[in-house]
Amino acid sequence: MMATYEYLCSQCGSFDVKLTIGTAPKTHGCPVCTNPARRLYSAPGLSLTSSASAALHEREEQAREAPAVVSEVPPRTRPEQRPHPALSRLPRP
């Protein structure tokens, strides 16, 4: 599981770093000037989303940073059309 940690550089301002939960050091090198930046403590980003929505959001974030590269268009498939279950209860001629 990854968490987003916020750091504050005295010259460049604040920036975020994604690290494994519980592994954030007290200082981290600024991505702009490489000076040590101190860790800020802020409220956690909690949400009441479903696990499916959370998984979709995480997959979208991963694709943003490392998009999948494909060599061809995937084949188009259509889902099997099933009749509506209520149709079986209708009277038959």
PDB file of N, CA and C in Angstrom:
ATOM      1  N   MET A   1       0.839  -1.171   0.000  1.00  0.00           N
ATOM      2  CA  MET A   1       0.000   0.000   0.000  1.00  0.00           C
ATOM      3  C   MET A   1       0.894   1.247   0.000  1.00  0.00           C
ATOM      4  N   MET A   2       0.505   2.193  -0.821  1.00  0.00           N
ATOM      5  CA  MET A   2       1.257   3.437  -0.933  1.00  0.00           C
ATOM      6  C   MET A   2       0.493   4.562  -0.231  1.00  0.00           C
ATOM      7  N   ALA A   3       1.253   5.482   0.321  1.00  0.00           N
ATOM      8  CA  ALA A   3       0.670   6.663   0.956  1.00  0.00           C
ATOM      9  C   ALA A   3       1.351   7.902   0.380  1.00  0.00           C
ATOM     10  N   THR A   4       0.657   9.013   0.405  1.00  0.00           N
ATOM     11  CA  THR A   4       1.214  10.268  -0.068  1.00  0.00           C
ATOM     12  C   THR A   4       1.664  11.086   1.130  1.00  0.00           C
ATOM     13  N   TYR A   5       2.941  11.435   1.145  1.00  0.00           N
ATOM     14  CA  TYR A   5       3.510  12.222   2.236  1.00  0.00           C
ATOM     15  C   TYR A   5       3.849  13.605   1.705  1.00  0.00           C
ATOM     16  N   GLU A   6       3.632  14.600   2.542  1.00  0.00           N
ATOM     17  CA  GLU A   6       3.877  15.991   2.146  1.00  0.00           C
ATOM     18  C   GLU A   6       5.146  16.497   2.828  1.00  0.00           C
ATOM     19  N   TYR A   7       5.998  17.147   2.042  1.00  0.00           N
ATOM     20  CA  TYR A   7       7.247  17.723   2.541  1.00  0.00           C
ATOM     21  C   TYR A   7       7.282  19.202   2.193  1.00  0.00           C
ATOM     22  N   LEU A   8       8.047  19.977   2.977  1.00  0.00           N
ATOM     23  CA  LEU A   8       8.160  21.410   2.753  1.00  0.00           C
ATOM     24  C   LEU A   8       9.625  21.780   2.599  1.00  0.00           C
ATOM     25  N   CYS A   9       9.977  22.299   1.423  1.00  0.00           N
ATOM     26  CA  CYS A   9      11.323  22.790   1.147  1.00  0.00           C
ATOM     27  C   CYS A   9      11.346  24.275   1.491  1.00  0.00           C
ATOM     28  N   SER A  10      12.388  24.718   2.183  1.00  0.00           N
ATOM     29  CA  SER A  10      12.457  26.128   2.585  1.00  0.00           C
ATOM     30  C   SER A  10      12.624  27.069   1.384  1.00  0.00           C
ATOM     31  N   GLN A  11      13.100  26.554   0.255  1.00  0.00           N
ATOM     32  CA  GLN A  11      13.296  27.407  -0.920  1.00  0.00           C
ATOM     33  C   GLN A  11      12.200  27.241  -1.970  1.00  0.00           C
ATOM     34  N   CYS A  12      11.747  26.008  -2.187  1.00  0.00           N
ATOM     35  CA  CYS A  12      10.830  25.730  -3.303  1.00  0.00           C
ATOM     36  C   CYS A  12       9.368  25.573  -2.889  1.00  0.00           C
ATOM     37  N   GLY A  13       9.102  25.342  -1.616  1.00  0.00           N
ATOM     38  CA  GLY A  13       7.715  25.152  -1.186  1.00  0.00           C
ATOM     39  C   GLY A  13       7.398  23.687  -0.936  1.00  0.00           C
ATOM     40  N   SER A  14       6.111  23.373  -0.886  1.00  0.00           N
ATOM     41  CA  SER A  14       5.701  22.008  -0.544  1.00  0.00           C
ATOM     42  C   SER A  14       5.631  21.119  -1.783  1.00  0.00           C
ATOM     43  N   PHE A  15       5.803  19.820  -1.559  1.00  0.00           N
ATOM     44  CA  PHE A  15       5.679  18.819  -2.616  1.00  0.00           C
ATOM     45  C   PHE A  15       5.257  17.508  -1.975  1.00  0.00           C
ATOM     46  N   ASP A  16       4.699  16.618  -2.781  1.00  0.00           N
ATOM     47  CA  ASP A  16       4.213  15.325  -2.305  1.00  0.00           C
ATOM     48  C   ASP A  16       5.120  14.207  -2.804  1.00  0.00           C
ATOM     49  N   VAL A  17       5.239  13.162  -1.977  1.00  0.00           N
ATOM     50  CA  VAL A  17       6.022  11.976  -2.329  1.00  0.00           C
ATOM     51  C   VAL A  17       5.190  10.757  -1.994  1.00  0.00           C
ATOM     52  N   LYS A  18       5.090   9.794  -2.925  1.00  0.00           N
ATOM     53  CA  LYS A  18       4.384   8.549  -2.660  1.00  0.00           C
ATOM     54  C   LYS A  18       5.394   7.500  -2.206  1.00  0.00           C
ATOM     55  N   LEU A  19       5.172   6.978  -0.999  1.00  0.00           N
ATOM     56  CA  LEU A  19       6.047   5.974  -0.411  1.00  0.00           C
ATOM     57  C   LEU A  19       5.196   4.891   0.224  1.00  0.00           C
ATOM     58  N   THR A  20       5.806   3.752   0.482  1.00  0.00           N
ATOM     59  CA  THR A  20       5.123   2.684   1.184  1.00  0.00           C
ATOM     60  C   THR A  20       4.746   3.168   2.578  1.00  0.00           C
ATOM     61  N   ILE A  21       3.590   2.756   3.044  1.00  0.00           N
ATOM     62  CA  ILE A  21       3.091   3.206   4.343  1.00  0.00           C
ATOM     63  C   ILE A  21       4.101   2.884   5.433  1.00  0.00           C
ATOM     64  N   GLY A  22       4.415   3.874   6.242  1.00  0.00           N
ATOM     65  CA  GLY A  22       5.305   3.709   7.379  1.00  0.00           C
ATOM     66  C   GLY A  22       6.783   3.838   7.068  1.00  0.00           C
ATOM     67  N   THR A  23       7.147   4.181   5.848  1.00  0.00           N
ATOM     68  CA  THR A  23       8.564   4.268   5.488  1.00  0.00           C
ATOM     69  C   THR A  23       9.032   5.693   5.222  1.00  0.00           C
ATOM     70  N   ALA A  24       8.198   6.690   5.502  1.00  0.00           N
ATOM     71  CA  ALA A  24       8.554   8.076   5.199  1.00  0.00           C
ATOM     72  C   ALA A  24       9.593   8.591   6.197  1.00  0.00           C
ATOM     73  N   PRO A  25      10.733   9.088   5.696  1.00  0.00           N
ATOM     74  CA  PRO A  25      11.738   9.664   6.594  1.00  0.00           C
ATOM     75  C   PRO A  25      11.325  11.076   7.031  1.00  0.00           C
ATOM     76  N   LYS A  26      11.996  11.590   8.066  1.00  0.00           N
ATOM     77  CA  LYS A  26      11.688  12.938   8.557  1.00  0.00           C
ATOM     78  C   LYS A  26      12.071  14.009   7.546  1.00  0.00           C
ATOM     79  N   THR A  27      13.105  13.739   6.741  1.00  0.00           N
ATOM     80  CA  THR A  27      13.502  14.675   5.686  1.00  0.00           C
ATOM     81  C   THR A  27      13.604  13.917   4.370  1.00  0.00           C
ATOM     82  N   HIS A  28      13.383  14.652   3.290  1.00  0.00           N
ATOM     83  CA  HIS A  28      13.435  14.049   1.947  1.00  0.00           C
ATOM     84  C   HIS A  28      14.024  15.098   1.013  1.00  0.00           C
ATOM     85  N   GLY A  29      14.791  14.681   0.045  1.00  0.00           N
ATOM     86  CA  GLY A  29      15.394  15.616  -0.897  1.00  0.00           C
ATOM     87  C   GLY A  29      14.362  16.264  -1.797  1.00  0.00           C
ATOM     88  N   CYS A  30      14.448  17.568  -1.929  1.00  0.00           N
ATOM     89  CA  CYS A  30      13.532  18.318  -2.791  1.00  0.00           C
ATOM     90  C   CYS A  30      13.783  17.904  -4.248  1.00  0.00           C
ATOM     91  N   PRO A  31      12.717  17.646  -5.041  1.00  0.00           N
ATOM     92  CA  PRO A  31      12.920  17.246  -6.436  1.00  0.00           C
ATOM     93  C   PRO A  31      13.447  18.379  -7.321  1.00  0.00           C
ATOM     94  N   VAL A  32      13.355  19.636  -6.862  1.00  0.00           N
ATOM     95  CA  VAL A  32      13.801  20.771  -7.671  1.00  0.00           C
ATOM     96  C   VAL A  32      15.242  21.145  -7.338  1.00  0.00           C
ATOM     97  N   CYS A  33      15.505  21.403  -6.044  1.00  0.00           N
ATOM     98  CA  CYS A  33      16.834  21.902  -5.663  1.00  0.00           C
ATOM     99  C   CYS A  33      17.666  20.870  -4.888  1.00  0.00           C
ATOM    100  N   THR A  34      17.119  19.728  -4.586  1.00  0.00           N
ATOM    101  CA  THR A  34      17.754  18.611  -3.861  1.00  0.00           C
ATOM    102  C   THR A  34      18.155  18.951  -2.423  1.00  0.00           C
ATOM    103  N   ASN A  35      17.732  20.086  -1.887  1.00  0.00           N
ATOM    104  CA  ASN A  35      17.974  20.393  -0.476  1.00  0.00           C
ATOM    105  C   ASN A  35      17.052  19.543   0.387  1.00  0.00           C
ATOM    106  N   PRO A  36      17.456  19.245   1.621  1.00  0.00           N
ATOM    107  CA  PRO A  36      16.576  18.461   2.484  1.00  0.00           C
ATOM    108  C   PRO A  36      15.315  19.251   2.857  1.00  0.00           C
ATOM    109  N   ALA A  37      14.179  18.591   2.753  1.00  0.00           N
ATOM    110  CA  ALA A  37      12.896  19.204   3.090  1.00  0.00           C
ATOM    111  C   ALA A  37      12.295  18.436   4.259  1.00  0.00           C
ATOM    112  N   ARG A  38      11.657  19.151   5.187  1.00  0.00           N
ATOM    113  CA  ARG A  38      11.091  18.489   6.360  1.00  0.00           C
ATOM    114  C   ARG A  38       9.682  18.004   6.061  1.00  0.00           C
ATOM    115  N   ARG A  39       9.327  16.916   6.723  1.00  0.00           N
ATOM    116  CA  ARG A  39       8.013  16.303   6.525  1.00  0.00           C
ATOM    117  C   ARG A  39       6.949  17.108   7.259  1.00  0.00           C
ATOM    118  N   LEU A  40       5.815  17.323   6.590  1.00  0.00           N
ATOM    119  CA  LEU A  40       4.665  17.991   7.194  1.00  0.00           C
ATOM    120  C   LEU A  40       3.652  16.937   7.619  1.00  0.00           C
ATOM    121  N   TYR A  41       2.982  17.192   8.714  1.00  0.00           N
ATOM    122  CA  TYR A  41       1.934  16.293   9.178  1.00  0.00           C
ATOM    123  C   TYR A  41       0.591  16.963   8.940  1.00  0.00           C
ATOM    124  N   SER A  42      -0.252  16.301   8.176  1.00  0.00           N
ATOM    125  CA  SER A  42      -1.559  16.839   7.848  1.00  0.00           C
ATOM    126  C   SER A  42      -2.614  15.758   8.060  1.00  0.00           C
ATOM    127  N   ALA A  43      -3.858  16.140   7.941  1.00  0.00           N
ATOM    128  CA  ALA A  43      -4.958  15.196   8.124  1.00  0.00           C
ATOM    129  C   ALA A  43      -4.914  14.130   7.021  1.00  0.00           C
ATOM    130  N   PRO A  44      -5.196  12.879   7.371  1.00  0.00           N
ATOM    131  CA  PRO A  44      -5.192  11.824   6.346  1.00  0.00           C
ATOM    132  C   PRO A  44      -6.357  12.003   5.389  1.00  0.00           C
ATOM    133  N   GLY A  45      -6.156  11.582   4.169  1.00  0.00           N
ATOM    134  CA  GLY A  45      -7.209  11.666   3.161  1.00  0.00           C
ATOM    135  C   GLY A  45      -8.088  10.434   3.208  1.00  0.00           C
ATOM    136  N   LEU A  46      -9.081  10.441   4.077  1.00  0.00           N
ATOM    137  CA  LEU A  46      -9.996   9.314   4.208  1.00  0.00           C
ATOM    138  C   LEU A  46     -11.205   9.532   3.320  1.00  0.00           C
ATOM    139  N   SER A  47     -11.724   8.451   2.789  1.00  0.00           N
ATOM    140  CA  SER A  47     -12.921   8.554   1.968  1.00  0.00           C
ATOM    141  C   SER A  47     -13.816   7.361   2.229  1.00  0.00           C
ATOM    142  N   LEU A  48     -15.059   7.509   1.912  1.00  0.00           N
ATOM    143  CA  LEU A  48     -16.035   6.441   2.107  1.00  0.00           C
ATOM    144  C   LEU A  48     -16.470   5.880   0.762  1.00  0.00           C
ATOM    145  N   THR A  49     -15.516   5.551  -0.087  1.00  0.00           N
ATOM    146  CA  THR A  49     -15.836   5.000  -1.397  1.00  0.00           C
ATOM    147  C   THR A  49     -15.854   3.480  -1.321  1.00  0.00           C
ATOM    148  N   SER A  50     -16.504   2.877  -2.276  1.00  0.00           N
ATOM    149  CA  SER A  50     -16.544   1.421  -2.336  1.00  0.00           C
ATOM    150  C   SER A  50     -15.175   0.892  -2.756  1.00  0.00           C
ATOM    151  N   SER A  51     -14.941  -0.380  -2.504  1.00  0.00           N
ATOM    152  CA  SER A  51     -13.648  -0.957  -2.867  1.00  0.00           C
ATOM    153  C   SER A  51     -13.456  -0.963  -4.383  1.00  0.00           C
ATOM    154  N   ALA A  52     -14.545  -1.121  -5.141  1.00  0.00           N
ATOM    155  CA  ALA A  52     -14.445  -1.096  -6.602  1.00  0.00           C
ATOM    156  C   ALA A  52     -14.031   0.291  -7.090  1.00  0.00           C
ATOM    157  N   SER A  53     -14.627   1.334  -6.504  1.00  0.00           N
ATOM    158  CA  SER A  53     -14.266   2.696  -6.892  1.00  0.00           C
ATOM    159  C   SER A  53     -12.828   3.014  -6.505  1.00  0.00           C
ATOM    160  N   ALA A  54     -12.412   2.554  -5.319  1.00  0.00           N
ATOM    161  CA  ALA A  54     -11.043   2.798  -4.878  1.00  0.00           C
ATOM    162  C   ALA A  54     -10.050   2.080  -5.787  1.00  0.00           C
ATOM    163  N   ALA A  55     -10.364   0.844  -6.197  1.00  0.00           N
ATOM    164  CA  ALA A  55      -9.482   0.092  -7.094  1.00  0.00           C
ATOM    165  C   ALA A  55      -9.393   0.780  -8.454  1.00  0.00           C
ATOM    166  N   LEU A  56     -10.508   1.274  -8.954  1.00  0.00           N
ATOM    167  CA  LEU A  56     -10.508   1.980 -10.233  1.00  0.00           C
ATOM    168  C   LEU A  56      -9.680   3.257 -10.159  1.00  0.00           C
ATOM    169  N   HIS A  57      -9.819   3.991  -9.063  1.00  0.00           N
ATOM    170  CA  HIS A  57      -9.048   5.218  -8.883  1.00  0.00           C
ATOM    171  C   HIS A  57      -7.550   4.919  -8.796  1.00  0.00           C
ATOM    172  N   GLU A  58      -7.189   3.858  -8.079  1.00  0.00           N
ATOM    173  CA  GLU A  58      -5.774   3.495  -7.963  1.00  0.00           C
ATOM    174  C   GLU A  58      -5.207   3.069  -9.315  1.00  0.00           C
ATOM    175  N   ARG A  59      -5.992   2.311 -10.095  1.00  0.00           N
ATOM    176  CA  ARG A  59      -5.541   1.894 -11.422  1.00  0.00           C
ATOM    177  C   ARG A  59      -5.354   3.101 -12.344  1.00  0.00           C
ATOM    178  N   GLU A  60      -6.252   4.084 -12.213  1.00  0.00           N
ATOM    179  CA  GLU A  60      -6.135   5.303 -13.019  1.00  0.00           C
ATOM    180  C   GLU A  60      -4.868   6.076 -12.647  1.00  0.00           C
ATOM    181  N   GLU A  61      -4.546   6.163 -11.362  1.00  0.00           N
ATOM    182  CA  GLU A  61      -3.327   6.853 -10.935  1.00  0.00           C
ATOM    183  C   GLU A  61      -2.077   6.135 -11.441  1.00  0.00           C
ATOM    184  N   GLN A  62      -2.087   4.801 -11.406  1.00  0.00           N
ATOM    185  CA  GLN A  62      -0.937   4.047 -11.902  1.00  0.00           C
ATOM    186  C   GLN A  62      -0.766   4.256 -13.395  1.00  0.00           C
ATOM    187  N   ALA A  63      -1.875   4.304 -14.135  1.00  0.00           N
ATOM    188  CA  ALA A  63      -1.797   4.501 -15.581  1.00  0.00           C
ATOM    189  C   ALA A  63      -1.297   5.896 -15.921  1.00  0.00           C
ATOM    190  N   ARG A  64      -1.564   6.853 -15.042  1.00  0.00           N
ATOM    191  CA  ARG A  64      -1.103   8.216 -15.286  1.00  0.00           C
ATOM    192  C   ARG A  64       0.413   8.293 -15.218  1.00  0.00           C
ATOM    193  N   GLU A  65       1.010   7.561 -14.280  1.00  0.00           N
ATOM    194  CA  GLU A  65       2.457   7.632 -14.101  1.00  0.00           C
ATOM    195  C   GLU A  65       3.216   6.634 -14.979  1.00  0.00           C
ATOM    196  N   ALA A  66       2.613   5.487 -15.276  1.00  0.00           N
ATOM    197  CA  ALA A  66       3.254   4.475 -16.106  1.00  0.00           C
ATOM    198  C   ALA A  66       2.195   3.841 -17.010  1.00  0.00           C
ATOM    199  N   PRO A  67       1.823   4.526 -18.105  1.00  0.00           N
ATOM    200  CA  PRO A  67       0.763   4.000 -18.966  1.00  0.00           C
ATOM    201  C   PRO A  67       1.174   2.704 -19.660  1.00  0.00           C
ATOM    202  N   ALA A  68       0.193   1.837 -19.859  1.00  0.00           N
ATOM    203  CA  ALA A  68       0.438   0.581 -20.560  1.00  0.00           C
ATOM    204  C   ALA A  68       0.602   0.873 -22.052  1.00  0.00           C
ATOM    205  N   VAL A  69       1.573   0.237 -22.669  1.00  0.00           N
ATOM    206  CA  VAL A  69       1.826   0.437 -24.089  1.00  0.00           C
ATOM    207  C   VAL A  69       1.327  -0.801 -24.825  1.00  0.00           C
ATOM    208  N   VAL A  70       0.487  -0.603 -25.836  1.00  0.00           N
ATOM    209  CA  VAL A  70      -0.054  -1.707 -26.615  1.00  0.00           C
ATOM    210  C   VAL A  70       0.466  -1.614 -28.039  1.00  0.00           C
ATOM    211  N   SER A  71       0.564  -2.765 -28.707  1.00  0.00           N
ATOM    212  CA  SER A  71       1.078  -2.778 -30.067  1.00  0.00           C
ATOM    213  C   SER A  71      -0.033  -2.869 -31.109  1.00  0.00           C
ATOM    214  N   GLU A  72      -1.259  -3.218 -30.682  1.00  0.00           N
ATOM    215  CA  GLU A  72      -2.369  -3.291 -31.619  1.00  0.00           C
ATOM    216  C   GLU A  72      -3.680  -3.040 -30.876  1.00  0.00           C
ATOM    217  N   VAL A  73      -4.709  -2.741 -31.640  1.00  0.00           N
ATOM    218  CA  VAL A  73      -6.015  -2.492 -31.051  1.00  0.00           C
ATOM    219  C   VAL A  73      -6.603  -3.840 -30.616  1.00  0.00           C
ATOM    220  N   PRO A  74      -7.129  -3.943 -29.394  1.00  0.00           N
ATOM    221  CA  PRO A  74      -7.702  -5.207 -28.962  1.00  0.00           C
ATOM    222  C   PRO A  74      -8.951  -5.548 -29.769  1.00  0.00           C
ATOM    223  N   PRO A  75      -9.253  -6.839 -29.938  1.00  0.00           N
ATOM    224  CA  PRO A  75     -10.436  -7.211 -30.719  1.00  0.00           C
ATOM    225  C   PRO A  75     -11.711  -6.764 -30.014  1.00  0.00           C
ATOM    226  N   ARG A  76     -12.692  -6.426 -30.821  1.00  0.00           N
ATOM    227  CA  ARG A  76     -13.958  -5.956 -30.260  1.00  0.00           C
ATOM    228  C   ARG A  76     -14.830  -7.163 -29.934  1.00  0.00           C
ATOM    229  N   THR A  77     -15.224  -7.253 -28.700  1.00  0.00           N
ATOM    230  CA  THR A  77     -16.093  -8.352 -28.284  1.00  0.00           C
ATOM    231  C   THR A  77     -17.361  -7.767 -27.693  1.00  0.00           C
ATOM    232  N   ARG A  78     -18.454  -8.460 -27.936  1.00  0.00           N
ATOM    233  CA  ARG A  78     -19.735  -8.021 -27.400  1.00  0.00           C
ATOM    234  C   ARG A  78     -20.161  -8.987 -26.303  1.00  0.00           C
ATOM    235  N   PRO A  79     -20.701  -8.474 -25.217  1.00  0.00           N
ATOM    236  CA  PRO A  79     -21.173  -9.370 -24.162  1.00  0.00           C
ATOM    237  C   PRO A  79     -22.379 -10.172 -24.643  1.00  0.00           C
ATOM    238  N   GLU A  80     -22.540 -11.353 -24.102  1.00  0.00           N
ATOM    239  CA  GLU A  80     -23.651 -12.220 -24.483  1.00  0.00           C
ATOM    240  C   GLU A  80     -24.957 -11.566 -24.060  1.00  0.00           C
ATOM    241  N   GLN A  81     -25.904 -11.482 -24.997  1.00  0.00           N
ATOM    242  CA  GLN A  81     -27.204 -10.878 -24.706  1.00  0.00           C
ATOM    243  C   GLN A  81     -28.102 -11.927 -24.062  1.00  0.00           C
ATOM    244  N   ARG A  82     -28.469 -11.697 -22.819  1.00  0.00           N
ATOM    245  CA  ARG A  82     -29.378 -12.603 -22.114  1.00  0.00           C
ATOM    246  C   ARG A  82     -30.735 -11.926 -22.009  1.00  0.00           C
ATOM    247  N   PRO A  83     -31.803 -12.722 -22.127  1.00  0.00           N
ATOM    248  CA  PRO A  83     -33.116 -12.106 -21.993  1.00  0.00           C
ATOM    249  C   PRO A  83     -33.351 -11.662 -20.546  1.00  0.00           C
ATOM    250  N   HIS A  84     -34.171 -10.658 -20.410  1.00  0.00           N
ATOM    251  CA  HIS A  84     -34.488 -10.147 -19.075  1.00  0.00           C
ATOM    252  C   HIS A  84     -35.211 -11.243 -18.281  1.00  0.00           C
ATOM    253  N   PRO A  85     -34.891 -11.449 -16.991  1.00  0.00           N
ATOM    254  CA  PRO A  85     -35.505 -12.523 -16.204  1.00  0.00           C
ATOM    255  C   PRO A  85     -37.019 -12.387 -16.084  1.00  0.00           C
ATOM    256  N   ALA A  86     -37.545 -11.187 -16.173  1.00  0.00           N
ATOM    257  CA  ALA A  86     -38.988 -11.015 -16.056  1.00  0.00           C
ATOM    258  C   ALA A  86     -39.735 -11.584 -17.248  1.00  0.00           C
ATOM    259  N   LEU A  87     -39.081 -11.746 -18.385  1.00  0.00           N
ATOM    260  CA  LEU A  87     -39.731 -12.281 -19.570  1.00  0.00           C
ATOM    261  C   LEU A  87     -40.172 -13.735 -19.393  1.00  0.00           C
ATOM    262  N   SER A  88     -39.473 -14.484 -18.567  1.00  0.00           N
ATOM    263  CA  SER A  88     -39.832 -15.898 -18.374  1.00  0.00           C
ATOM    264  C   SER A  88     -41.130 -16.040 -17.597  1.00  0.00           C
ATOM    265  N   ARG A  89     -41.575 -15.013 -16.886  1.00  0.00           N
ATOM    266  CA  ARG A  89     -42.817 -15.110 -16.121  1.00  0.00           C
ATOM    267  C   ARG A  89     -44.041 -14.675 -16.935  1.00  0.00           C
ATOM    268  N   LEU A  90     -43.834 -14.190 -18.144  1.00  0.00           N
ATOM    269  CA  LEU A  90     -44.951 -13.765 -18.972  1.00  0.00           C
ATOM    270  C   LEU A  90     -45.709 -14.989 -19.500  1.00  0.00           C
ATOM    271  N   PRO A  91     -47.011 -14.836 -19.711  1.00  0.00           N
ATOM    272  CA  PRO A  91     -47.777 -15.984 -20.245  1.00  0.00           C
ATOM    273  C   PRO A  91     -47.371 -16.294 -21.673  1.00  0.00           C
ATOM    274  N   ARG A  92     -47.323 -17.573 -21.979  1.00  0.00           N
ATOM    275  CA  ARG A  92     -46.945 -18.029 -23.326  1.00  0.00           C
ATOM    276  C   ARG A  92     -48.200 -18.308 -24.138  1.00  0.00           C
ATOM    277  N   PRO A  93     -48.183 -18.056 -25.453  1.00  0.00           N
ATOM    278  CA  PRO A  93     -49.366 -18.335 -26.303  1.00  0.00           C
ATOM    279  C   PRO A  93     -49.569 -19.812 -26.547  1.00  0.00           C
TER     280      PRO A  93
END
